[in-house]
Amino acid sequence: MLEVLEGEMNPREIQEQLGLKAEKNFRLLYLRPALDAGLIEMTLPGKPRSPKQCYRLTLAGQTVKKRGVR
């Protein structure tokens, strides 16, 4: 997921870049673990269900991405 995340992207864009179809699996297997690990962050943390919600890499996520760790 870190490889496809560029700038700020909404969940649908990330899911499409990963070639995933099932939204629930995307949230459970990709989005939530990356958030919990501190690799990505919400652009609107006070509004997690906002239709305008996007995600971006944190400093830790940028570091992992630069190192090429999957």
PDB file of N, CA and C in Angstrom:
ATOM      1  N   MET A   1       0.819  -1.182   0.000  1.00  0.00           N
ATOM      2  CA  MET A   1       0.000   0.000   0.000  1.00  0.00           C
ATOM      3  C   MET A   1       0.865   1.249   0.000  1.00  0.00           C
ATOM      4  N   LEU A   2       1.958   1.216   0.719  1.00  0.00           N
ATOM      5  CA  LEU A   2       2.823   2.393   0.792  1.00  0.00           C
ATOM      6  C   LEU A   2       3.369   2.758  -0.581  1.00  0.00           C
ATOM      7  N   GLU A   3       3.588   1.757  -1.407  1.00  0.00           N
ATOM      8  CA  GLU A   3       4.137   2.004  -2.741  1.00  0.00           C
ATOM      9  C   GLU A   3       3.195   2.809  -3.624  1.00  0.00           C
ATOM     10  N   VAL A   4       1.890   2.645  -3.467  1.00  0.00           N
ATOM     11  CA  VAL A   4       0.934   3.333  -4.336  1.00  0.00           C
ATOM     12  C   VAL A   4       0.442   4.656  -3.764  1.00  0.00           C
ATOM     13  N   LEU A   5       0.632   4.878  -2.475  1.00  0.00           N
ATOM     14  CA  LEU A   5       0.129   6.092  -1.838  1.00  0.00           C
ATOM     15  C   LEU A   5       1.021   7.277  -2.180  1.00  0.00           C
ATOM     16  N   GLU A   6       0.459   8.220  -2.914  1.00  0.00           N
ATOM     17  CA  GLU A   6       1.169   9.434  -3.330  1.00  0.00           C
ATOM     18  C   GLU A   6       0.378  10.645  -2.877  1.00  0.00           C
ATOM     19  N   GLY A   7       1.003  11.502  -2.089  1.00  0.00           N
ATOM     20  CA  GLY A   7       0.303  12.697  -1.606  1.00  0.00           C
ATOM     21  C   GLY A   7      -0.873  12.291  -0.748  1.00  0.00           C
ATOM     22  N   GLU A   8      -2.015  12.935  -0.974  1.00  0.00           N
ATOM     23  CA  GLU A   8      -3.248  12.601  -0.266  1.00  0.00           C
ATOM     24  C   GLU A   8      -4.172  11.881  -1.241  1.00  0.00           C
ATOM     25  N   MET A   9      -4.644  10.731  -0.813  1.00  0.00           N
ATOM     26  CA  MET A   9      -5.536   9.934  -1.659  1.00  0.00           C
ATOM     27  C   MET A   9      -6.731   9.465  -0.853  1.00  0.00           C
ATOM     28  N   ASN A  10      -7.897   9.378  -1.511  1.00  0.00           N
ATOM     29  CA  ASN A  10      -9.065   8.854  -0.811  1.00  0.00           C
ATOM     30  C   ASN A  10      -9.022   7.328  -0.865  1.00  0.00           C
ATOM     31  N   PRO A  11      -9.802   6.676  -0.017  1.00  0.00           N
ATOM     32  CA  PRO A  11      -9.745   5.212   0.050  1.00  0.00           C
ATOM     33  C   PRO A  11     -10.008   4.529  -1.294  1.00  0.00           C
ATOM     34  N   ARG A  12     -10.922   5.047  -2.068  1.00  0.00           N
ATOM     35  CA  ARG A  12     -11.257   4.446  -3.360  1.00  0.00           C
ATOM     36  C   ARG A  12     -10.052   4.488  -4.306  1.00  0.00           C
ATOM     37  N   GLU A  13      -9.351   5.602  -4.318  1.00  0.00           N
ATOM     38  CA  GLU A  13      -8.169   5.732  -5.175  1.00  0.00           C
ATOM     39  C   GLU A  13      -7.092   4.717  -4.779  1.00  0.00           C
ATOM     40  N   ILE A  14      -6.860   4.589  -3.483  1.00  0.00           N
ATOM     41  CA  ILE A  14      -5.848   3.634  -3.003  1.00  0.00           C
ATOM     42  C   ILE A  14      -6.250   2.218  -3.382  1.00  0.00           C
ATOM     43  N   GLN A  15      -7.516   1.902  -3.147  1.00  0.00           N
ATOM     44  CA  GLN A  15      -8.030   0.564  -3.443  1.00  0.00           C
ATOM     45  C   GLN A  15      -7.887   0.259  -4.934  1.00  0.00           C
ATOM     46  N   GLU A  16      -8.199   1.219  -5.784  1.00  0.00           N
ATOM     47  CA  GLU A  16      -8.073   1.013  -7.233  1.00  0.00           C
ATOM     48  C   GLU A  16      -6.612   0.814  -7.637  1.00  0.00           C
ATOM     49  N   GLN A  17      -5.710   1.593  -7.044  1.00  0.00           N
ATOM     50  CA  GLN A  17      -4.288   1.452  -7.361  1.00  0.00           C
ATOM     51  C   GLN A  17      -3.756   0.077  -6.968  1.00  0.00           C
ATOM     52  N   LEU A  18      -4.324  -0.486  -5.912  1.00  0.00           N
ATOM     53  CA  LEU A  18      -3.916  -1.812  -5.453  1.00  0.00           C
ATOM     54  C   LEU A  18      -4.604  -2.931  -6.234  1.00  0.00           C
ATOM     55  N   GLY A  19      -5.621  -2.571  -7.017  1.00  0.00           N
ATOM     56  CA  GLY A  19      -6.352  -3.573  -7.788  1.00  0.00           C
ATOM     57  C   GLY A  19      -7.266  -4.428  -6.933  1.00  0.00           C
ATOM     58  N   LEU A  20      -7.778  -3.856  -5.848  1.00  0.00           N
ATOM     59  CA  LEU A  20      -8.654  -4.589  -4.938  1.00  0.00           C
ATOM     60  C   LEU A  20     -10.108  -4.215  -5.189  1.00  0.00           C
ATOM     61  N   LYS A  21     -10.990  -5.183  -5.079  1.00  0.00           N
ATOM     62  CA  LYS A  21     -12.406  -4.930  -5.345  1.00  0.00           C
ATOM     63  C   LYS A  21     -13.247  -4.846  -4.071  1.00  0.00           C
ATOM     64  N   ALA A  22     -12.970  -5.690  -3.101  1.00  0.00           N
ATOM     65  CA  ALA A  22     -13.783  -5.758  -1.886  1.00  0.00           C
ATOM     66  C   ALA A  22     -13.372  -4.658  -0.905  1.00  0.00           C
ATOM     67  N   GLU A  23     -14.269  -3.711  -0.691  1.00  0.00           N
ATOM     68  CA  GLU A  23     -13.984  -2.586   0.202  1.00  0.00           C
ATOM     69  C   GLU A  23     -13.718  -3.044   1.643  1.00  0.00           C
ATOM     70  N   LYS A  24     -14.497  -4.004   2.115  1.00  0.00           N
ATOM     71  CA  LYS A  24     -14.329  -4.480   3.489  1.00  0.00           C
ATOM     72  C   LYS A  24     -12.945  -5.090   3.693  1.00  0.00           C
ATOM     73  N   ASN A  25     -12.498  -5.927   2.756  1.00  0.00           N
ATOM     74  CA  ASN A  25     -11.173  -6.526   2.861  1.00  0.00           C
ATOM     75  C   ASN A  25     -10.081  -5.462   2.800  1.00  0.00           C
ATOM     76  N   PHE A  26     -10.268  -4.461   1.968  1.00  0.00           N
ATOM     77  CA  PHE A  26      -9.305  -3.370   1.877  1.00  0.00           C
ATOM     78  C   PHE A  26      -9.162  -2.678   3.227  1.00  0.00           C
ATOM     79  N   ARG A  27     -10.291  -2.352   3.839  1.00  0.00           N
ATOM     80  CA  ARG A  27     -10.249  -1.680   5.143  1.00  0.00           C
ATOM     81  C   ARG A  27      -9.604  -2.550   6.216  1.00  0.00           C
ATOM     82  N   LEU A  28      -9.992  -3.827   6.259  1.00  0.00           N
ATOM     83  CA  LEU A  28      -9.502  -4.721   7.309  1.00  0.00           C
ATOM     84  C   LEU A  28      -8.048  -5.165   7.117  1.00  0.00           C
ATOM     85  N   LEU A  29      -7.647  -5.402   5.887  1.00  0.00           N
ATOM     86  CA  LEU A  29      -6.328  -5.986   5.625  1.00  0.00           C
ATOM     87  C   LEU A  29      -5.252  -4.976   5.241  1.00  0.00           C
ATOM     88  N   TYR A  30      -5.644  -3.792   4.824  1.00  0.00           N
ATOM     89  CA  TYR A  30      -4.667  -2.804   4.360  1.00  0.00           C
ATOM     90  C   TYR A  30      -4.755  -1.488   5.135  1.00  0.00           C
ATOM     91  N   LEU A  31      -5.925  -0.872   5.090  1.00  0.00           N
ATOM     92  CA  LEU A  31      -6.071   0.460   5.664  1.00  0.00           C
ATOM     93  C   LEU A  31      -5.881   0.474   7.186  1.00  0.00           C
ATOM     94  N   ARG A  32      -6.638  -0.344   7.904  1.00  0.00           N
ATOM     95  CA  ARG A  32      -6.577  -0.358   9.367  1.00  0.00           C
ATOM     96  C   ARG A  32      -5.186  -0.738   9.880  1.00  0.00           C
ATOM     97  N   PRO A  33      -4.544  -1.787   9.350  1.00  0.00           N
ATOM     98  CA  PRO A  33      -3.201  -2.116   9.835  1.00  0.00           C
ATOM     99  C   PRO A  33      -2.183  -0.988   9.592  1.00  0.00           C
ATOM    100  N   ALA A  34      -2.280  -0.312   8.448  1.00  0.00           N
ATOM    101  CA  ALA A  34      -1.351   0.787   8.160  1.00  0.00           C
ATOM    102  C   ALA A  34      -1.588   1.958   9.104  1.00  0.00           C
ATOM    103  N   LEU A  35      -2.850   2.233   9.420  1.00  0.00           N
ATOM    104  CA  LEU A  35      -3.168   3.293  10.386  1.00  0.00           C
ATOM    105  C   LEU A  35      -2.647   2.915  11.776  1.00  0.00           C
ATOM    106  N   ASP A  36      -2.930   1.684  12.197  1.00  0.00           N
ATOM    107  CA  ASP A  36      -2.510   1.223  13.526  1.00  0.00           C
ATOM    108  C   ASP A  36      -0.991   1.214  13.671  1.00  0.00           C
ATOM    109  N   ALA A  37      -0.280   0.942  12.580  1.00  0.00           N
ATOM    110  CA  ALA A  37       1.183   0.909  12.611  1.00  0.00           C
ATOM    111  C   ALA A  37       1.795   2.301  12.529  1.00  0.00           C
ATOM    112  N   GLY A  38       0.947   3.306  12.293  1.00  0.00           N
ATOM    113  CA  GLY A  38       1.453   4.672  12.209  1.00  0.00           C
ATOM    114  C   GLY A  38       2.151   4.983  10.894  1.00  0.00           C
ATOM    115  N   LEU A  39       1.859   4.201   9.865  1.00  0.00           N
ATOM    116  CA  LEU A  39       2.490   4.420   8.563  1.00  0.00           C
ATOM    117  C   LEU A  39       1.713   5.401   7.692  1.00  0.00           C
ATOM    118  N   ILE A  40       0.405   5.494   7.937  1.00  0.00           N
ATOM    119  CA  ILE A  40      -0.427   6.468   7.244  1.00  0.00           C
ATOM    120  C   ILE A  40      -1.259   7.203   8.284  1.00  0.00           C
ATOM    121  N   GLU A  41      -1.825   8.341   7.866  1.00  0.00           N
ATOM    122  CA  GLU A  41      -2.684   9.105   8.761  1.00  0.00           C
ATOM    123  C   GLU A  41      -3.854   9.678   7.979  1.00  0.00           C
ATOM    124  N   MET A  42      -4.916   9.991   8.693  1.00  0.00           N
ATOM    125  CA  MET A  42      -6.095  10.605   8.085  1.00  0.00           C
ATOM    126  C   MET A  42      -5.841  12.096   7.905  1.00  0.00           C
ATOM    127  N   THR A  43      -6.385  12.653   6.835  1.00  0.00           N
ATOM    128  CA  THR A  43      -6.279  14.096   6.643  1.00  0.00           C
ATOM    129  C   THR A  43      -7.308  14.826   7.492  1.00  0.00           C
ATOM    130  N   LEU A  44      -8.379  14.139   7.860  1.00  0.00           N
ATOM    131  CA  LEU A  44      -9.419  14.696   8.723  1.00  0.00           C
ATOM    132  C   LEU A  44      -9.606  13.771   9.926  1.00  0.00           C
ATOM    133  N   PRO A  45      -8.649  13.758  10.861  1.00  0.00           N
ATOM    134  CA  PRO A  45      -8.707  12.795  11.964  1.00  0.00           C
ATOM    135  C   PRO A  45      -9.950  12.910  12.844  1.00  0.00           C
ATOM    136  N   GLY A  46     -10.533  14.079  12.932  1.00  0.00           N
ATOM    137  CA  GLY A  46     -11.734  14.256  13.747  1.00  0.00           C
ATOM    138  C   GLY A  46     -13.001  13.793  13.051  1.00  0.00           C
ATOM    139  N   LYS A  47     -12.897  13.438  11.776  1.00  0.00           N
ATOM    140  CA  LYS A  47     -14.057  13.017  10.995  1.00  0.00           C
ATOM    141  C   LYS A  47     -13.722  11.751  10.201  1.00  0.00           C
ATOM    142  N   PRO A  48     -13.527  10.621  10.888  1.00  0.00           N
ATOM    143  CA  PRO A  48     -13.088   9.403  10.197  1.00  0.00           C
ATOM    144  C   PRO A  48     -14.050   8.887   9.129  1.00  0.00           C
ATOM    145  N   ARG A  49     -15.318   9.207   9.215  1.00  0.00           N
ATOM    146  CA  ARG A  49     -16.291   8.716   8.237  1.00  0.00           C
ATOM    147  C   ARG A  49     -16.664   9.766   7.185  1.00  0.00           C
ATOM    148  N   SER A  50     -15.955  10.859   7.158  1.00  0.00           N
ATOM    149  CA  SER A  50     -16.243  11.918   6.200  1.00  0.00           C
ATOM    150  C   SER A  50     -16.029  11.432   4.769  1.00  0.00           C
ATOM    151  N   PRO A  51     -16.928  11.787   3.851  1.00  0.00           N
ATOM    152  CA  PRO A  51     -16.723  11.411   2.450  1.00  0.00           C
ATOM    153  C   PRO A  51     -15.512  12.116   1.839  1.00  0.00           C
ATOM    154  N   LYS A  52     -15.012  13.143   2.497  1.00  0.00           N
ATOM    155  CA  LYS A  52     -13.838  13.870   2.028  1.00  0.00           C
ATOM    156  C   LYS A  52     -12.545  13.348   2.655  1.00  0.00           C
ATOM    157  N   GLN A  53     -12.661  12.266   3.437  1.00  0.00           N
ATOM    158  CA  GLN A  53     -11.498  11.706   4.122  1.00  0.00           C
ATOM    159  C   GLN A  53     -10.469  11.187   3.121  1.00  0.00           C
ATOM    160  N   CYS A  54      -9.242  11.572   3.353  1.00  0.00           N
ATOM    161  CA  CYS A  54      -8.124  11.083   2.550  1.00  0.00           C
ATOM    162  C   CYS A  54      -7.040  10.593   3.502  1.00  0.00           C
ATOM    163  N   TYR A  55      -6.047   9.944   2.946  1.00  0.00           N
ATOM    164  CA  TYR A  55      -4.952   9.407   3.733  1.00  0.00           C
ATOM    165  C   TYR A  55      -3.636   9.826   3.106  1.00  0.00           C
ATOM    166  N   ARG A  56      -2.627   9.968   3.949  1.00  0.00           N
ATOM    167  CA  ARG A  56      -1.286  10.315   3.474  1.00  0.00           C
ATOM    168  C   ARG A  56      -0.273   9.570   4.330  1.00  0.00           C
ATOM    169  N   LEU A  57       0.932   9.453   3.805  1.00  0.00           N
ATOM    170  CA  LEU A  57       2.003   8.797   4.541  1.00  0.00           C
ATOM    171  C   LEU A  57       2.449   9.655   5.717  1.00  0.00           C
ATOM    172  N   THR A  58       2.773   9.018   6.819  1.00  0.00           N
ATOM    173  CA  THR A  58       3.394   9.717   7.937  1.00  0.00           C
ATOM    174  C   THR A  58       4.899   9.730   7.660  1.00  0.00           C
ATOM    175  N   LEU A  59       5.653  10.375   8.520  1.00  0.00           N
ATOM    176  CA  LEU A  59       7.102  10.368   8.379  1.00  0.00           C
ATOM    177  C   LEU A  59       7.634   8.933   8.431  1.00  0.00           C
ATOM    178  N   ALA A  60       7.067   8.130   9.339  1.00  0.00           N
ATOM    179  CA  ALA A  60       7.474   6.716   9.435  1.00  0.00           C
ATOM    180  C   ALA A  60       7.145   5.975   8.143  1.00  0.00           C
ATOM    181  N   GLY A  61       5.979   6.240   7.579  1.00  0.00           N
ATOM    182  CA  GLY A  61       5.588   5.608   6.331  1.00  0.00           C
ATOM    183  C   GLY A  61       6.483   6.014   5.175  1.00  0.00           C
ATOM    184  N   GLN A  62       6.889   7.276   5.143  1.00  0.00           N
ATOM    185  CA  GLN A  62       7.800   7.755   4.105  1.00  0.00           C
ATOM    186  C   GLN A  62       9.156   7.075   4.217  1.00  0.00           C
ATOM    187  N   THR A  63       9.608   6.902   5.456  1.00  0.00           N
ATOM    188  CA  THR A  63      10.887   6.248   5.693  1.00  0.00           C
ATOM    189  C   THR A  63      10.850   4.804   5.222  1.00  0.00           C
ATOM    190  N   VAL A  64       9.782   4.087   5.565  1.00  0.00           N
ATOM    191  CA  VAL A  64       9.651   2.691   5.139  1.00  0.00           C
ATOM    192  C   VAL A  64       9.575   2.608   3.619  1.00  0.00           C
ATOM    193  N   LYS A  65       8.825   3.510   3.016  1.00  0.00           N
ATOM    194  CA  LYS A  65       8.681   3.513   1.564  1.00  0.00           C
ATOM    195  C   LYS A  65      10.028   3.746   0.886  1.00  0.00           C
ATOM    196  N   LYS A  66      10.834   4.687   1.402  1.00  0.00           N
ATOM    197  CA  LYS A  66      12.133   4.966   0.823  1.00  0.00           C
ATOM    198  C   LYS A  66      13.076   3.775   0.920  1.00  0.00           C
ATOM    199  N   ARG A  67      12.950   3.011   2.004  1.00  0.00           N
ATOM    200  CA  ARG A  67      13.795   1.833   2.205  1.00  0.00           C
ATOM    201  C   ARG A  67      13.356   0.661   1.353  1.00  0.00           C
ATOM    202  N   GLY A  68      12.151   0.751   0.792  1.00  0.00           N
ATOM    203  CA  GLY A  68      11.652  -0.319  -0.055  1.00  0.00           C
ATOM    204  C   GLY A  68      11.152  -1.527   0.704  1.00  0.00           C
ATOM    205  N   VAL A  69      10.827  -1.355   1.984  1.00  0.00           N
ATOM    206  CA  VAL A  69      10.307  -2.456   2.795  1.00  0.00           C
ATOM    207  C   VAL A  69       8.830  -2.627   2.486  1.00  0.00           C
ATOM    208  N   ARG A  70       8.398  -3.879   2.318  1.00  0.00           N
ATOM    209  CA  ARG A  70       6.984  -4.138   2.006  1.00  0.00           C
ATOM    210  C   ARG A  70       6.263  -4.644   3.203  1.00  0.00           C
TER     211      ARG A  70
END
